[in-house]
Every structure is written in structure tokens, then in C-alpha cells.
Amino acid sequence: LFSKFDRKNYFYPDLPKGFQISQYDQPFAIKGSLKIGSKKIGITRVHMEEDTAKLIHKTINGENVSLIDFNRSGVPLVEIVTEPDFENAKEVKLYLQKLQQIVRYLGISNADMEKGQMRLEPNISVQSSKFKVQSYKVEVKNINSFSFVEKAINFELKRQEEIINQGQTPVQETRGWDDKKQQTVLQRVKETASDYRYFPEPDIPPVRWNKNQISNIKNQIPEMPDNKFVRFKKQYKLTDYQSEILTREKELADYFEDCLKVGEKHKVSPKQIANFIINKKNDLANILPAKVIEEIL
């Protein structure tokens, strides 16, 4: 298995060196999927690239200015690109919440959106049976809230439908979400892949893995939330509600099972422990499992 890095060339204030280290035709992973409920969302590719600087738009002394924060510039990030399998904003939100949960279970990131550790960038386009619409997509960049991403998608669907109903094709562009105005705003006209003039990154050697290395990585993957949910129901005879709450976060699921080990000695049932933890969830930070069992008894 083979992967390599590339240079993506473009000029924008958040990238003063004029290129971004990314991956183009040989990313780390391709053709994956993630299930939300009974629906499977296709994952086109997963690639690594360097983060850019952060643009901050402010009014200083009555003048509108753009400031650049370089603190995150050059930090490696993972970008996950999906297939166009979503039918509405609610499905997007469910997918993103599931993705955040998996990332946290894997322990590769806290995926805290307030700290910029996870950013959401939906690509939205509308097709019409009434008017012929050329292929296009509008990307909304750097959203840091599940609620905002849902609002941005619904706003864009309405905005684009209005343009199409006038017999026009929406401009392919990059937009941002303005929470104060509750609308998306234009940032720049979107480039196509050919505009970036990709070429192989000369300073980072290609990456190769053999099958044994891949198998070793797979063996290190912990029990995932969906599998844990099913096991909790079956093994501990919990309800869907109890299992769902207890497996939302890996730390809470582990805490529950630590309590079970103590509770077993005192013949406290898993359901009793589950109900206690769910009801006292916000107060458990400094309570040892033995204390939980003591309070139940």
C-alpha cells in the first residue's frame, strides 16, 4: 500500500508561502463508509494536510480589517471527504456527531469544536427537474457547531433553489456562516483542481505499508461505540436508552463497567448501576466506583 504528499499551489492571505502540503491522487484511505441508523454514507477519501492560518474579520477604529492568526498554520490535520449521499441537513448532523464520537473513541483527538479541533465544511448543490443546471457546488467553510452546520445547509438549500427557479445556475464559490445574520456570506469564488497545479511534495518521502503493518493497526482499534452499544444491551440486559447514553462517551462506558466489577460482589444489577449513573451523570467526576455501589446499597 502506497501514499504520498503533494503541494497544492494557490495564493490567499492565510497561506503566505503560496502552497499547502496536502495529498492529491494517493491519499491515506479511499472508498470507506459510515452507517447512521440504517443508512450508509460513503467516504470518498481520507487525507492529511497542513492547516492554514486563521483569518479574523474585525472593525478597528471604525475601519473594517482582516487579521491573520498564524498559531495553527502548518499543524497537520485529517480531512474526511464524503460521497453526496445526504438528503437533508439532519442526516449531515447525525453523520458528523457519529464521526466525532468515533474519533474520540479512537483517542486521536478530543474533536473539540470550540478549540478548532474539528471543523465542518459542507458542500451543497441542488438539482432541478424544471431547469437544466450545470454541475456546481458551494462550500461553506470552517463551521464550528453541529447546530450551525444544520442552519447553514438549510439556508444554502433555500438560497440556491431561489437562484435555480430564476433559471440560473448558482456560482461555484466558497462561503462562510455568519451566525449574527443567520446566513452564509461570500468569501471567494471556488477554484477547481486544475487551478491548484498539484505536484509531488519533494521534502516528504512517500509512505509504504505492508499487510502485516495494516493488520497490526487494525488490531489496535478499540471496541467502537456501535459494537459497545449492542454488547451492553445483550450482555447487561440494558434498554436502548440506557445503552445509548452510556456509550456516547468512552470514558462513561468504561466507568460503568468499572462500577459493574464492584457491584457484582454486592449483587447490584447492571440496570441499577446504569440508572444511578444516568441520573447522577454530571456529579460523577470525583466519585469512585466503590462509592457508587455504596450509595446504591
C-alpha atoms as a PDB file:
ATOM      1  CA  LEU A   1       0.000   0.000   0.000  1.00  0.00           C
ATOM      2  CA  PHE A   2       1.325   3.385  -1.049  1.00  0.00           C
ATOM      3  CA  SER A   3       0.586   7.030  -0.237  1.00  0.00           C
ATOM      4  CA  LYS A   4       2.341  10.325  -0.903  1.00  0.00           C
ATOM      5  CA  PHE A   5       2.110  14.038  -0.199  1.00  0.00           C
ATOM      6  CA  ASP A   6       1.668  16.816  -2.769  1.00  0.00           C
ATOM      7  CA  ARG A   7       1.949  20.579  -2.970  1.00  0.00           C
ATOM      8  CA  LYS A   8      -1.311  22.414  -3.589  1.00  0.00           C
ATOM      9  CA  ASN A   9      -0.437  25.819  -5.046  1.00  0.00           C
ATOM     10  CA  TYR A  10      -2.646  28.851  -4.520  1.00  0.00           C
ATOM     11  CA  PHE A  11      -2.386  32.398  -3.251  1.00  0.00           C
ATOM     12  CA  TYR A  12      -4.539  33.506  -0.347  1.00  0.00           C
ATOM     13  CA  PRO A  13      -3.662  35.579   2.760  1.00  0.00           C
ATOM     14  CA  ASP A  14      -3.999  32.537   5.061  1.00  0.00           C
ATOM     15  CA  LEU A  15      -1.213  30.785   3.107  1.00  0.00           C
ATOM     16  CA  PRO A  16       1.634  33.290   2.651  1.00  0.00           C
ATOM     17  CA  LYS A  17       4.160  30.741   1.340  1.00  0.00           C
ATOM     18  CA  GLY A  18       1.923  30.159  -1.700  1.00  0.00           C
ATOM     19  CA  PHE A  19       1.414  26.389  -1.327  1.00  0.00           C
ATOM     20  CA  GLN A  20      -0.117  23.890   1.064  1.00  0.00           C
ATOM     21  CA  ILE A  21       1.265  20.414   1.784  1.00  0.00           C
ATOM     22  CA  SER A  22      -1.649  18.068   1.113  1.00  0.00           C
ATOM     23  CA  GLN A  23      -2.479  14.788  -0.650  1.00  0.00           C
ATOM     24  CA  TYR A  24      -3.986  14.630  -4.120  1.00  0.00           C
ATOM     25  CA  ASP A  25      -4.049  11.335  -6.033  1.00  0.00           C
ATOM     26  CA  GLN A  26      -2.632   8.950  -3.389  1.00  0.00           C
ATOM     27  CA  PRO A  27      -4.358   9.732  -0.066  1.00  0.00           C
ATOM     28  CA  PHE A  28      -4.089   7.576   3.060  1.00  0.00           C
ATOM     29  CA  ALA A  29      -7.519   5.959   2.597  1.00  0.00           C
ATOM     30  CA  ILE A  30     -10.275   5.700  -0.023  1.00  0.00           C
ATOM     31  CA  LYS A  31     -13.721   4.107  -0.502  1.00  0.00           C
ATOM     32  CA  GLY A  32     -14.874   3.808   3.096  1.00  0.00           C
ATOM     33  CA  SER A  33     -18.310   4.191   4.673  1.00  0.00           C
ATOM     34  CA  LEU A  34     -20.065   5.050   7.913  1.00  0.00           C
ATOM     35  CA  LYS A  35     -23.557   3.965   8.950  1.00  0.00           C
ATOM     36  CA  ILE A  36     -26.033   6.342  10.565  1.00  0.00           C
ATOM     37  CA  GLY A  37     -29.032   4.295  11.568  1.00  0.00           C
ATOM     38  CA  SER A  38     -29.891   2.102   8.590  1.00  0.00           C
ATOM     39  CA  LYS A  39     -28.241   4.412   6.033  1.00  0.00           C
ATOM     40  CA  LYS A  40     -24.689   4.043   4.769  1.00  0.00           C
ATOM     41  CA  ILE A  41     -22.749   7.227   3.987  1.00  0.00           C
ATOM     42  CA  GLY A  42     -19.886   6.679   1.548  1.00  0.00           C
ATOM     43  CA  ILE A  43     -16.470   8.116   2.400  1.00  0.00           C
ATOM     44  CA  THR A  44     -14.594   9.117  -0.749  1.00  0.00           C
ATOM     45  CA  ARG A  45     -11.174   9.645   0.806  1.00  0.00           C
ATOM     46  CA  VAL A  46      -9.249  10.447   3.967  1.00  0.00           C
ATOM     47  CA  HIS A  47      -6.114  12.534   3.530  1.00  0.00           C
ATOM     48  CA  MET A  48      -3.686  14.510   5.655  1.00  0.00           C
ATOM     49  CA  GLU A  49      -2.653  18.099   5.023  1.00  0.00           C
ATOM     50  CA  GLU A  50      -1.282  21.111   6.867  1.00  0.00           C
ATOM     51  CA  ASP A  51      -3.658  23.622   8.385  1.00  0.00           C
ATOM     52  CA  THR A  52      -3.663  27.212   7.171  1.00  0.00           C
ATOM     53  CA  ALA A  53      -3.697  30.416   9.195  1.00  0.00           C
ATOM     54  CA  LYS A  54      -6.974  31.772  10.553  1.00  0.00           C
ATOM     55  CA  LEU A  55      -8.485  34.940   9.105  1.00  0.00           C
ATOM     56  CA  ILE A  56     -10.289  37.198  11.582  1.00  0.00           C
ATOM     57  CA  HIS A  57     -12.507  39.968  10.224  1.00  0.00           C
ATOM     58  CA  LYS A  58     -12.986  42.902  12.610  1.00  0.00           C
ATOM     59  CA  THR A  59     -13.783  46.583  12.783  1.00  0.00           C
ATOM     60  CA  ILE A  60     -10.950  48.568  14.395  1.00  0.00           C
ATOM     61  CA  ASN A  61     -11.199  52.354  14.853  1.00  0.00           C
ATOM     62  CA  GLY A  62     -14.180  52.369  12.509  1.00  0.00           C
ATOM     63  CA  GLU A  63     -12.299  50.555   9.736  1.00  0.00           C
ATOM     64  CA  ASN A  64     -13.075  47.024   8.512  1.00  0.00           C
ATOM     65  CA  VAL A  65      -9.856  44.983   8.606  1.00  0.00           C
ATOM     66  CA  SER A  66      -8.771  41.353   8.252  1.00  0.00           C
ATOM     67  CA  LEU A  67      -6.280  39.998  10.785  1.00  0.00           C
ATOM     68  CA  ILE A  68      -4.301  36.763  10.370  1.00  0.00           C
ATOM     69  CA  ASP A  69      -3.656  34.350  13.242  1.00  0.00           C
ATOM     70  CA  PHE A  70      -0.744  32.036  12.356  1.00  0.00           C
ATOM     71  CA  ASN A  71      -0.916  29.901  15.528  1.00  0.00           C
ATOM     72  CA  ARG A  72      -2.422  26.879  13.769  1.00  0.00           C
ATOM     73  CA  SER A  73      -0.599  27.343  10.451  1.00  0.00           C
ATOM     74  CA  GLY A  74       1.369  24.229   9.491  1.00  0.00           C
ATOM     75  CA  VAL A  75      -0.314  21.956  12.061  1.00  0.00           C
ATOM     76  CA  PRO A  76      -1.243  18.588  10.466  1.00  0.00           C
ATOM     77  CA  LEU A  77      -4.932  17.775  10.137  1.00  0.00           C
ATOM     78  CA  VAL A  78      -7.002  14.944   8.692  1.00  0.00           C
ATOM     79  CA  GLU A  79      -9.694  15.766   6.130  1.00  0.00           C
ATOM     80  CA  ILE A  80     -12.522  13.282   5.547  1.00  0.00           C
ATOM     81  CA  VAL A  81     -14.454  13.686   2.283  1.00  0.00           C
ATOM     82  CA  THR A  82     -17.849  12.014   1.865  1.00  0.00           C
ATOM     83  CA  GLU A  83     -19.906  10.934  -1.124  1.00  0.00           C
ATOM     84  CA  PRO A  84     -23.033  13.037  -1.904  1.00  0.00           C
ATOM     85  CA  ASP A  85     -25.263  10.564  -0.035  1.00  0.00           C
ATOM     86  CA  PHE A  86     -27.042  13.036   2.251  1.00  0.00           C
ATOM     87  CA  GLU A  87     -30.647  14.005   1.555  1.00  0.00           C
ATOM     88  CA  ASN A  88     -31.080  16.684   4.202  1.00  0.00           C
ATOM     89  CA  ALA A  89     -29.256  18.676   6.882  1.00  0.00           C
ATOM     90  CA  LYS A  90     -30.400  16.361   9.673  1.00  0.00           C
ATOM     91  CA  GLU A  91     -28.531  13.423   8.122  1.00  0.00           C
ATOM     92  CA  VAL A  92     -25.385  15.550   7.882  1.00  0.00           C
ATOM     93  CA  LYS A  93     -25.647  16.455  11.562  1.00  0.00           C
ATOM     94  CA  LEU A  94     -26.100  12.794  12.601  1.00  0.00           C
ATOM     95  CA  TYR A  95     -23.112  11.751  10.491  1.00  0.00           C
ATOM     96  CA  LEU A  96     -20.870  14.446  11.983  1.00  0.00           C
ATOM     97  CA  GLN A  97     -21.893  13.559  15.541  1.00  0.00           C
ATOM     98  CA  LYS A  98     -21.121   9.896  14.858  1.00  0.00           C
ATOM     99  CA  LEU A  99     -17.767  10.832  13.327  1.00  0.00           C
ATOM    100  CA  GLN A 100     -16.858  12.934  16.378  1.00  0.00           C
ATOM    101  CA  GLN A 101     -17.794  10.038  18.661  1.00  0.00           C
ATOM    102  CA  ILE A 102     -15.578   7.593  16.722  1.00  0.00           C
ATOM    103  CA  VAL A 103     -12.624   9.992  16.703  1.00  0.00           C
ATOM    104  CA  ARG A 104     -12.915  10.358  20.477  1.00  0.00           C
ATOM    105  CA  TYR A 105     -13.224   6.587  20.987  1.00  0.00           C
ATOM    106  CA  LEU A 106     -10.046   6.107  18.945  1.00  0.00           C
ATOM    107  CA  GLY A 107      -8.269   8.643  21.149  1.00  0.00           C
ATOM    108  CA  ILE A 108      -6.776  10.500  18.180  1.00  0.00           C
ATOM    109  CA  SER A 109      -8.378  13.853  19.029  1.00  0.00           C
ATOM    110  CA  ASN A 110     -10.764  15.465  21.501  1.00  0.00           C
ATOM    111  CA  ALA A 111     -12.545  16.881  18.425  1.00  0.00           C
ATOM    112  CA  ASP A 112     -13.495  19.933  20.479  1.00  0.00           C
ATOM    113  CA  MET A 113     -15.058  22.367  18.015  1.00  0.00           C
ATOM    114  CA  GLU A 114     -14.748  25.361  20.349  1.00  0.00           C
ATOM    115  CA  LYS A 115     -10.975  24.858  20.261  1.00  0.00           C
ATOM    116  CA  GLY A 116     -10.875  24.381  16.475  1.00  0.00           C
ATOM    117  CA  GLN A 117     -10.040  20.669  16.763  1.00  0.00           C
ATOM    118  CA  MET A 118     -12.913  19.731  14.460  1.00  0.00           C
ATOM    119  CA  ARG A 119     -14.267  21.948  11.703  1.00  0.00           C
ATOM    120  CA  LEU A 120     -17.229  21.256   9.452  1.00  0.00           C
ATOM    121  CA  GLU A 121     -17.285  22.218   5.769  1.00  0.00           C
ATOM    122  CA  PRO A 122     -20.395  21.082   3.880  1.00  0.00           C
ATOM    123  CA  ASN A 123     -20.541  21.172   0.074  1.00  0.00           C
ATOM    124  CA  ILE A 124     -24.076  21.922  -1.104  1.00  0.00           C
ATOM    125  CA  SER A 125     -25.673  21.715  -4.541  1.00  0.00           C
ATOM    126  CA  VAL A 126     -29.245  21.427  -5.790  1.00  0.00           C
ATOM    127  CA  GLN A 127     -30.524  19.672  -8.893  1.00  0.00           C
ATOM    128  CA  SER A 128     -33.746  20.714 -10.612  1.00  0.00           C
ATOM    129  CA  SER A 129     -36.202  18.779 -12.785  1.00  0.00           C
ATOM    130  CA  LYS A 130     -37.649  22.046 -14.062  1.00  0.00           C
ATOM    131  CA  PHE A 131     -34.453  23.835 -15.142  1.00  0.00           C
ATOM    132  CA  LYS A 132     -31.229  22.449 -16.547  1.00  0.00           C
ATOM    133  CA  VAL A 133     -28.489  23.243 -14.041  1.00  0.00           C
ATOM    134  CA  GLN A 134     -24.794  22.926 -14.788  1.00  0.00           C
ATOM    135  CA  SER A 135     -22.683  20.947 -12.342  1.00  0.00           C
ATOM    136  CA  TYR A 136     -21.586  23.136  -9.400  1.00  0.00           C
ATOM    137  CA  LYS A 137     -21.043  23.075  -5.653  1.00  0.00           C
ATOM    138  CA  VAL A 138     -20.920  25.695  -2.918  1.00  0.00           C
ATOM    139  CA  GLU A 139     -18.649  25.034   0.050  1.00  0.00           C
ATOM    140  CA  VAL A 140     -19.326  26.612   3.439  1.00  0.00           C
ATOM    141  CA  LYS A 141     -16.024  26.768   5.341  1.00  0.00           C
ATOM    142  CA  ASN A 142     -14.929  26.462   8.962  1.00  0.00           C
ATOM    143  CA  ILE A 143     -18.207  25.880  10.791  1.00  0.00           C
ATOM    144  CA  ASN A 144     -17.632  25.007  14.459  1.00  0.00           C
ATOM    145  CA  SER A 145     -21.044  23.783  15.618  1.00  0.00           C
ATOM    146  CA  PHE A 146     -23.448  20.974  14.678  1.00  0.00           C
ATOM    147  CA  SER A 147     -26.309  23.443  15.024  1.00  0.00           C
ATOM    148  CA  PHE A 148     -24.613  25.990  12.753  1.00  0.00           C
ATOM    149  CA  VAL A 149     -23.876  23.403  10.053  1.00  0.00           C
ATOM    150  CA  GLU A 150     -27.542  22.393  10.001  1.00  0.00           C
ATOM    151  CA  LYS A 151     -28.622  26.043   9.718  1.00  0.00           C
ATOM    152  CA  ALA A 152     -26.023  26.790   7.014  1.00  0.00           C
ATOM    153  CA  ILE A 153     -27.139  23.851   4.857  1.00  0.00           C
ATOM    154  CA  ASN A 154     -30.832  24.750   5.145  1.00  0.00           C
ATOM    155  CA  PHE A 155     -30.064  28.396   4.314  1.00  0.00           C
ATOM    156  CA  GLU A 156     -27.997  27.367   1.284  1.00  0.00           C
ATOM    157  CA  LEU A 157     -30.657  24.978   0.001  1.00  0.00           C
ATOM    158  CA  LYS A 158     -33.203  27.793   0.082  1.00  0.00           C
ATOM    159  CA  ARG A 159     -30.800  30.352  -1.460  1.00  0.00           C
ATOM    160  CA  GLN A 160     -29.738  28.035  -4.265  1.00  0.00           C
ATOM    161  CA  GLU A 161     -33.296  26.907  -5.012  1.00  0.00           C
ATOM    162  CA  GLU A 162     -34.321  30.552  -5.452  1.00  0.00           C
ATOM    163  CA  ILE A 163     -31.475  31.107  -7.953  1.00  0.00           C
ATOM    164  CA  ILE A 164     -32.337  27.932  -9.880  1.00  0.00           C
ATOM    165  CA  ASN A 165     -36.042  28.836 -10.002  1.00  0.00           C
ATOM    166  CA  GLN A 166     -34.968  32.000 -11.820  1.00  0.00           C
ATOM    167  CA  GLY A 167     -33.406  29.791 -14.498  1.00  0.00           C
ATOM    168  CA  GLN A 168     -29.814  30.427 -13.376  1.00  0.00           C
ATOM    169  CA  THR A 169     -27.010  28.240 -12.033  1.00  0.00           C
ATOM    170  CA  PRO A 170     -25.566  29.209  -8.626  1.00  0.00           C
ATOM    171  CA  VAL A 171     -21.944  30.374  -8.753  1.00  0.00           C
ATOM    172  CA  GLN A 172     -19.391  27.798  -7.613  1.00  0.00           C
ATOM    173  CA  GLU A 173     -17.909  29.559  -4.608  1.00  0.00           C
ATOM    174  CA  THR A 174     -16.665  29.332  -1.035  1.00  0.00           C
ATOM    175  CA  ARG A 175     -18.871  30.892   1.636  1.00  0.00           C
ATOM    176  CA  GLY A 176     -18.810  31.326   5.405  1.00  0.00           C
ATOM    177  CA  TRP A 177     -21.538  31.176   8.058  1.00  0.00           C
ATOM    178  CA  ASP A 178     -22.481  34.430   9.793  1.00  0.00           C
ATOM    179  CA  ASP A 179     -24.290  33.438  12.979  1.00  0.00           C
ATOM    180  CA  LYS A 180     -25.366  37.009  13.786  1.00  0.00           C
ATOM    181  CA  LYS A 181     -27.082  37.417  10.428  1.00  0.00           C
ATOM    182  CA  GLN A 182     -28.105  33.737  10.305  1.00  0.00           C
ATOM    183  CA  GLN A 183     -26.918  33.444   6.701  1.00  0.00           C
ATOM    184  CA  THR A 184     -23.961  32.395   4.577  1.00  0.00           C
ATOM    185  CA  VAL A 185     -21.680  35.086   3.136  1.00  0.00           C
ATOM    186  CA  LEU A 186     -19.387  35.048   0.107  1.00  0.00           C
ATOM    187  CA  GLN A 187     -15.667  34.517   0.780  1.00  0.00           C
ATOM    188  CA  ARG A 188     -14.216  33.754  -2.642  1.00  0.00           C
ATOM    189  CA  VAL A 189     -15.003  32.115  -5.984  1.00  0.00           C
ATOM    190  CA  LYS A 190     -14.121  28.439  -5.702  1.00  0.00           C
ATOM    191  CA  GLU A 191     -11.160  27.067  -7.617  1.00  0.00           C
ATOM    192  CA  THR A 192     -11.109  23.738  -9.471  1.00  0.00           C
ATOM    193  CA  ALA A 193      -8.430  21.048  -9.024  1.00  0.00           C
ATOM    194  CA  SER A 194      -6.574  22.171 -12.157  1.00  0.00           C
ATOM    195  CA  ASP A 195      -6.149  25.675 -10.680  1.00  0.00           C
ATOM    196  CA  TYR A 196      -4.040  24.283  -7.848  1.00  0.00           C
ATOM    197  CA  ARG A 197      -1.239  22.890 -10.089  1.00  0.00           C
ATOM    198  CA  TYR A 198      -0.547  19.915  -7.822  1.00  0.00           C
ATOM    199  CA  PHE A 199       2.867  18.279  -7.913  1.00  0.00           C
ATOM    200  CA  PRO A 200       4.572  15.724  -5.593  1.00  0.00           C
ATOM    201  CA  GLU A 201       5.928  17.159  -2.331  1.00  0.00           C
ATOM    202  CA  PRO A 202       9.737  16.922  -2.690  1.00  0.00           C
ATOM    203  CA  ASP A 203      10.592  17.194   1.018  1.00  0.00           C
ATOM    204  CA  ILE A 204       8.435  14.326   2.363  1.00  0.00           C
ATOM    205  CA  PRO A 205       9.186  10.776   1.108  1.00  0.00           C
ATOM    206  CA  PRO A 206       6.303   8.515   0.023  1.00  0.00           C
ATOM    207  CA  VAL A 207       4.755   6.236   2.663  1.00  0.00           C
ATOM    208  CA  ARG A 208       4.510   2.477   2.173  1.00  0.00           C
ATOM    209  CA  TRP A 209       2.849  -0.178   4.355  1.00  0.00           C
ATOM    210  CA  ASN A 210       2.807  -3.959   4.061  1.00  0.00           C
ATOM    211  CA  LYS A 211      -0.174  -6.153   5.007  1.00  0.00           C
ATOM    212  CA  ASN A 212       1.274  -7.076   8.399  1.00  0.00           C
ATOM    213  CA  GLN A 213       1.553  -3.408   9.363  1.00  0.00           C
ATOM    214  CA  ILE A 214      -2.067  -2.807   8.350  1.00  0.00           C
ATOM    215  CA  SER A 215      -3.176  -5.849  10.377  1.00  0.00           C
ATOM    216  CA  ASN A 216      -1.291  -4.592  13.428  1.00  0.00           C
ATOM    217  CA  ILE A 217      -3.027  -1.223  13.153  1.00  0.00           C
ATOM    218  CA  LYS A 218      -6.436  -2.912  12.875  1.00  0.00           C
ATOM    219  CA  ASN A 219      -5.707  -4.981  15.983  1.00  0.00           C
ATOM    220  CA  GLN A 220      -5.100  -1.793  17.963  1.00  0.00           C
ATOM    221  CA  ILE A 221      -8.551  -0.379  17.203  1.00  0.00           C
ATOM    222  CA  PRO A 222     -10.664  -0.420  20.402  1.00  0.00           C
ATOM    223  CA  GLU A 223     -14.296  -1.513  20.586  1.00  0.00           C
ATOM    224  CA  MET A 224     -16.305   1.043  18.628  1.00  0.00           C
ATOM    225  CA  PRO A 225     -19.455   2.742  20.007  1.00  0.00           C
ATOM    226  CA  ASP A 226     -21.969   0.802  17.849  1.00  0.00           C
ATOM    227  CA  ASN A 227     -20.444  -2.544  18.875  1.00  0.00           C
ATOM    228  CA  LYS A 228     -20.326  -1.448  22.505  1.00  0.00           C
ATOM    229  CA  PHE A 229     -23.999  -0.396  22.314  1.00  0.00           C
ATOM    230  CA  VAL A 230     -25.015  -3.861  21.055  1.00  0.00           C
ATOM    231  CA  ARG A 231     -22.858  -5.615  23.663  1.00  0.00           C
ATOM    232  CA  PHE A 232     -24.239  -3.548  26.550  1.00  0.00           C
ATOM    233  CA  LYS A 233     -27.789  -4.464  25.522  1.00  0.00           C
ATOM    234  CA  LYS A 234     -27.014  -8.147  25.144  1.00  0.00           C
ATOM    235  CA  GLN A 235     -24.527  -8.707  27.967  1.00  0.00           C
ATOM    236  CA  TYR A 236     -26.059  -6.486  30.631  1.00  0.00           C
ATOM    237  CA  LYS A 237     -29.717  -6.629  29.516  1.00  0.00           C
ATOM    238  CA  LEU A 238     -29.920  -2.820  29.252  1.00  0.00           C
ATOM    239  CA  THR A 239     -32.533  -0.882  27.287  1.00  0.00           C
ATOM    240  CA  ASP A 240     -31.737   1.006  24.071  1.00  0.00           C
ATOM    241  CA  TYR A 241     -31.986   4.251  26.053  1.00  0.00           C
ATOM    242  CA  GLN A 242     -29.553   3.130  28.750  1.00  0.00           C
ATOM    243  CA  SER A 243     -27.073   1.671  26.259  1.00  0.00           C
ATOM    244  CA  GLU A 244     -27.139   4.758  24.057  1.00  0.00           C
ATOM    245  CA  ILE A 245     -26.410   7.173  26.912  1.00  0.00           C
ATOM    246  CA  LEU A 246     -23.701   5.002  28.483  1.00  0.00           C
ATOM    247  CA  THR A 247     -21.833   4.519  25.181  1.00  0.00           C
ATOM    248  CA  ARG A 248     -21.924   8.139  23.988  1.00  0.00           C
ATOM    249  CA  GLU A 249     -18.503   8.689  25.552  1.00  0.00           C
ATOM    250  CA  LYS A 250     -15.855   6.013  26.018  1.00  0.00           C
ATOM    251  CA  GLU A 251     -14.921   7.329  29.476  1.00  0.00           C
ATOM    252  CA  LEU A 252     -18.514   6.925  30.713  1.00  0.00           C
ATOM    253  CA  ALA A 253     -18.778   3.413  29.252  1.00  0.00           C
ATOM    254  CA  ASP A 254     -15.508   2.420  30.952  1.00  0.00           C
ATOM    255  CA  TYR A 255     -16.706   3.962  34.233  1.00  0.00           C
ATOM    256  CA  PHE A 256     -19.920   1.946  34.038  1.00  0.00           C
ATOM    257  CA  GLU A 257     -18.011  -1.302  33.575  1.00  0.00           C
ATOM    258  CA  ASP A 258     -15.654  -0.420  36.441  1.00  0.00           C
ATOM    259  CA  CYS A 259     -18.734   0.001  38.639  1.00  0.00           C
ATOM    260  CA  LEU A 260     -20.042  -3.378  37.475  1.00  0.00           C
ATOM    261  CA  LYS A 261     -16.915  -5.120  38.773  1.00  0.00           C
ATOM    262  CA  VAL A 262     -17.532  -3.709  42.245  1.00  0.00           C
ATOM    263  CA  GLY A 263     -21.304  -4.163  42.042  1.00  0.00           C
ATOM    264  CA  GLU A 264     -21.003  -7.843  41.163  1.00  0.00           C
ATOM    265  CA  LYS A 265     -19.528  -8.560  44.604  1.00  0.00           C
ATOM    266  CA  HIS A 266     -22.540  -6.933  46.266  1.00  0.00           C
ATOM    267  CA  LYS A 267     -25.129  -8.402  43.875  1.00  0.00           C
ATOM    268  CA  VAL A 268     -26.064  -4.996  42.444  1.00  0.00           C
ATOM    269  CA  SER A 269     -27.610  -5.414  38.993  1.00  0.00           C
ATOM    270  CA  PRO A 270     -26.283  -3.676  35.844  1.00  0.00           C
ATOM    271  CA  LYS A 271     -29.643  -1.929  35.441  1.00  0.00           C
ATOM    272  CA  GLN A 272     -29.432  -0.439  38.944  1.00  0.00           C
ATOM    273  CA  ILE A 273     -25.932   0.834  38.239  1.00  0.00           C
ATOM    274  CA  ALA A 274     -26.946   2.148  34.801  1.00  0.00           C
ATOM    275  CA  ASN A 275     -29.892   4.087  36.225  1.00  0.00           C
ATOM    276  CA  PHE A 276     -27.760   5.572  39.023  1.00  0.00           C
ATOM    277  CA  ILE A 277     -25.024   6.711  36.617  1.00  0.00           C
ATOM    278  CA  ILE A 278     -27.502   8.183  34.108  1.00  0.00           C
ATOM    279  CA  ASN A 279     -29.325  10.117  36.854  1.00  0.00           C
ATOM    280  CA  LYS A 280     -26.099  11.326  38.530  1.00  0.00           C
ATOM    281  CA  LYS A 281     -24.006  11.734  35.372  1.00  0.00           C
ATOM    282  CA  ASN A 282     -22.949  15.339  35.998  1.00  0.00           C
ATOM    283  CA  ASP A 283     -21.811  14.599  39.564  1.00  0.00           C
ATOM    284  CA  LEU A 284     -19.579  11.566  38.912  1.00  0.00           C
ATOM    285  CA  ALA A 285     -16.254  13.298  38.248  1.00  0.00           C
ATOM    286  CA  ASN A 286     -14.838  12.681  41.724  1.00  0.00           C
ATOM    287  CA  ILE A 287     -16.847   9.615  42.795  1.00  0.00           C
ATOM    288  CA  LEU A 288     -15.027   6.270  42.788  1.00  0.00           C
ATOM    289  CA  PRO A 289     -16.938   3.185  41.557  1.00  0.00           C
ATOM    290  CA  ALA A 290     -16.950   1.713  45.082  1.00  0.00           C
ATOM    291  CA  LYS A 291     -18.715   4.853  46.331  1.00  0.00           C
ATOM    292  CA  VAL A 292     -21.354   4.487  43.599  1.00  0.00           C
ATOM    293  CA  ILE A 293     -22.156   0.958  44.776  1.00  0.00           C
ATOM    294  CA  GLU A 294     -22.209   2.128  48.386  1.00  0.00           C
ATOM    295  CA  GLU A 295     -24.756   4.822  47.545  1.00  0.00           C
ATOM    296  CA  ILE A 296     -26.935   2.354  45.628  1.00  0.00           C
ATOM    297  CA  LEU A 297     -26.938  -0.023  48.598  1.00  0.00           C
END
